[in-house]
Amino acid sequence: MRAFFIKHWLKIAGIAAGTLAGYLYYYYVGCVSGTCPITSNPYRMMIYGAVIGYLFFDMFSQKKSPKKVIETTEQNENKQNDQS
């Protein structure tokens, strides 16, 4: 479980920041008349904020290219064969 959080901490932080930003947008800007379909409901606005936060923070996560993944996999297999 800890490895999961270490690997995906940036995305989790994006979801948390987006949820908070969505609620703050609802609270301070919102929709006074209640006819706005997105901003009149705090839960819906928090979900949209979480999605936007996830997508925004995901841009900064490090992606491994397929070539590096193949090289890393081959190196790990070679190490395991050498140890046997």
Protein backbone atom coordinates (compact mmCIF):
# COMPACT_ATOMS: atom_id res chain seq x y z
CA MET A 1 0.00 0.00 0.00
CA ARG A 2 2.83 2.36 0.84
CA ALA A 3 4.49 1.69 -2.53
CA PHE A 4 1.23 2.66 -4.25
CA PHE A 5 1.14 6.03 -2.46
CA ILE A 6 4.80 6.68 -3.17
CA LYS A 7 4.31 5.90 -6.85
CA HIS A 8 1.11 7.94 -7.28
CA TRP A 9 1.56 10.73 -4.72
CA LEU A 10 1.44 13.49 -7.33
CA LYS A 11 -1.88 12.30 -8.76
CA ILE A 12 -3.37 11.91 -5.28
CA ALA A 13 -2.24 15.44 -4.42
CA GLY A 14 -3.85 16.67 -7.65
CA ILE A 15 -7.16 15.07 -6.74
CA ALA A 16 -7.04 16.58 -3.25
CA ALA A 17 -6.10 20.04 -4.51
CA GLY A 18 -8.74 19.92 -7.24
CA THR A 19 -11.44 18.85 -4.80
CA LEU A 20 -10.56 21.70 -2.47
CA ALA A 21 -10.44 24.18 -5.35
CA GLY A 22 -13.82 22.94 -6.60
CA TYR A 23 -15.42 23.46 -3.20
CA LEU A 24 -13.84 26.90 -2.81
CA TYR A 25 -15.11 27.86 -6.25
CA TYR A 26 -18.61 26.72 -5.29
CA TYR A 27 -18.47 28.58 -1.97
CA TYR A 28 -17.07 31.91 -3.18
CA VAL A 29 -18.31 32.10 -6.79
CA GLY A 30 -21.02 29.48 -7.17
CA CYS A 31 -24.41 30.23 -8.60
CA VAL A 32 -26.80 32.47 -6.67
CA SER A 33 -29.97 31.56 -8.55
CA GLY A 34 -29.42 27.79 -8.41
CA THR A 35 -30.02 27.35 -12.12
CA CYS A 36 -26.39 26.66 -13.03
CA PRO A 37 -26.12 22.89 -13.47
CA ILE A 38 -22.46 22.53 -12.44
CA THR A 39 -21.72 25.25 -9.90
CA SER A 40 -24.98 25.13 -7.96
CA ASN A 41 -24.18 21.72 -6.43
CA PRO A 42 -21.05 21.50 -4.21
CA TYR A 43 -20.56 17.76 -4.78
CA ARG A 44 -20.67 18.06 -8.53
CA MET A 45 -18.28 21.01 -8.46
CA MET A 46 -15.89 19.05 -6.23
CA ILE A 47 -15.93 16.12 -8.67
CA TYR A 48 -15.17 18.39 -11.61
CA GLY A 49 -12.41 20.03 -9.61
CA ALA A 50 -10.92 16.64 -8.71
CA VAL A 51 -10.88 15.56 -12.36
CA ILE A 52 -9.26 18.81 -13.47
CA GLY A 53 -6.73 18.59 -10.61
CA TYR A 54 -5.86 15.01 -11.53
CA LEU A 55 -5.36 15.90 -15.19
CA PHE A 56 -3.33 19.00 -14.35
CA PHE A 57 -1.01 17.27 -11.87
CA ASP A 58 -0.67 14.25 -14.16
CA MET A 59 1.10 16.47 -16.69
CA PHE A 60 4.01 16.76 -14.25
CA SER A 61 4.36 13.07 -13.42
CA GLN A 62 7.31 11.26 -14.92
CA LYS A 63 6.40 8.92 -17.70
CA LYS A 64 8.71 6.07 -18.63
CA SER A 65 9.21 5.60 -22.32
CA PRO A 66 8.61 2.08 -23.67
CA LYS A 67 12.30 1.78 -24.52
CA LYS A 68 13.34 2.42 -20.92
CA VAL A 69 10.76 -0.04 -19.62
CA ILE A 70 12.07 -2.76 -21.94
CA GLU A 71 15.69 -2.02 -20.97
CA THR A 72 14.84 -2.06 -17.27
CA THR A 73 12.94 -5.33 -17.62
CA GLU A 74 15.83 -6.94 -19.48
CA GLN A 75 18.32 -5.75 -16.85
CA ASN A 76 16.17 -7.16 -14.04
CA GLU A 77 15.86 -10.50 -15.84
CA ASN A 78 19.63 -10.62 -16.37
CA LYS A 79 20.26 -9.92 -12.68
CA GLN A 80 17.87 -12.67 -11.64
CA ASN A 81 19.53 -15.14 -14.04
CA ASP A 82 22.97 -14.23 -12.70
CA GLN A 83 21.87 -14.79 -9.10
CA SER A 84 20.46 -18.25 -9.86
